[in-house]
Amino acid sequence: MMLSHGSEGGYELAHVLLEGLKFRYQRTIVHRLDPRVKLLLTLTLFVIALMSSNIYDEALTFTAILIPASLAKSIRRLLRLLVYSLAFSAFIFIINYIFTHSLFSSSIVTVRFLGIVASTSMFFMTTSPDEVEYVLRWFRLPRDFVFAFATSIRFVPVLMMDLTQIIDAQKSRGLELDKGGPIKRIRNLVPVLIPLVVNALVRSSELAEAMEARGYGATEKPTSMYSLKMTKVDYLAVAIILTAAALLLSLFLHVV
């Protein structure tokens, strides 16, 4: 049994969006940077994307985003993510045009959204869940919040993989998700959602047992084997990021 092109496109879109935000280690200068520097880079690109107000600013913004993506050897993943984000971008364009009746304004908002997506995805593409956890700890956030956030980053790809396997298994048993009306299609999702929820509950139970076995919560201030340390390369990267950001913002504000 084969799903319709619409159903396959929906699952492919979800898969691509997830892959676009999934960490993959590569031996690049960007991956080796301190996670705090990568967070600074992401926030800087995010602010630059928000500050852009015309086509020239948008071109400079995407150039600034593509440079670190190229250094991280993630430019193909980033471009693929942007291509699959065009559907939602079109929705943003239509909604904005309905309220503003301006093609220029709607186009700028849409391209700005793509810039925000690209700048945000750069952090998760180049930063492992462990590094994210270290950064959150460095900010002195509550330990339970840090653990929950880091765990969600680790388990979302696992749940997506489970979903794909469950769909393939149910398709092999004759399940047709694209047959019938809206109510029928919702009912067809039950054989997919129930195993997915069961797997999630089993994993959460196993995680709770593992946390208990390791004494989670036994001490108020647990120590860590690893700590974040800035190197000369990190300080140089911070200087380059801040200098480039100041230059771009000055160009946006027409100071230079």
Foldseek 3Di string as FASTA:
>chain_A
DDADPVVVLVLVLVVLLLVLQAEDDDPFPLLPAQLVLLVVQLVLLLVQLVLFDAPVSLVVSVVSLVVVCVRRVNNVSLVSNLVSCVVVLVVQLVVVCVVVVDNRRSVSVSSSVSSNSSSVSSSSHRDQLVSQLQVCVVVVDAPVVSVVVSVCSVCVVVLSVLLVVQVVVVVVVPQHLPDDDPVVNVVSCVSRVVVSVVVVVVVVVVVVVVCVVVPPPVDRDDDDPDHTDHDPSNVVSNVVSVVVSVVSVCVSVVVD
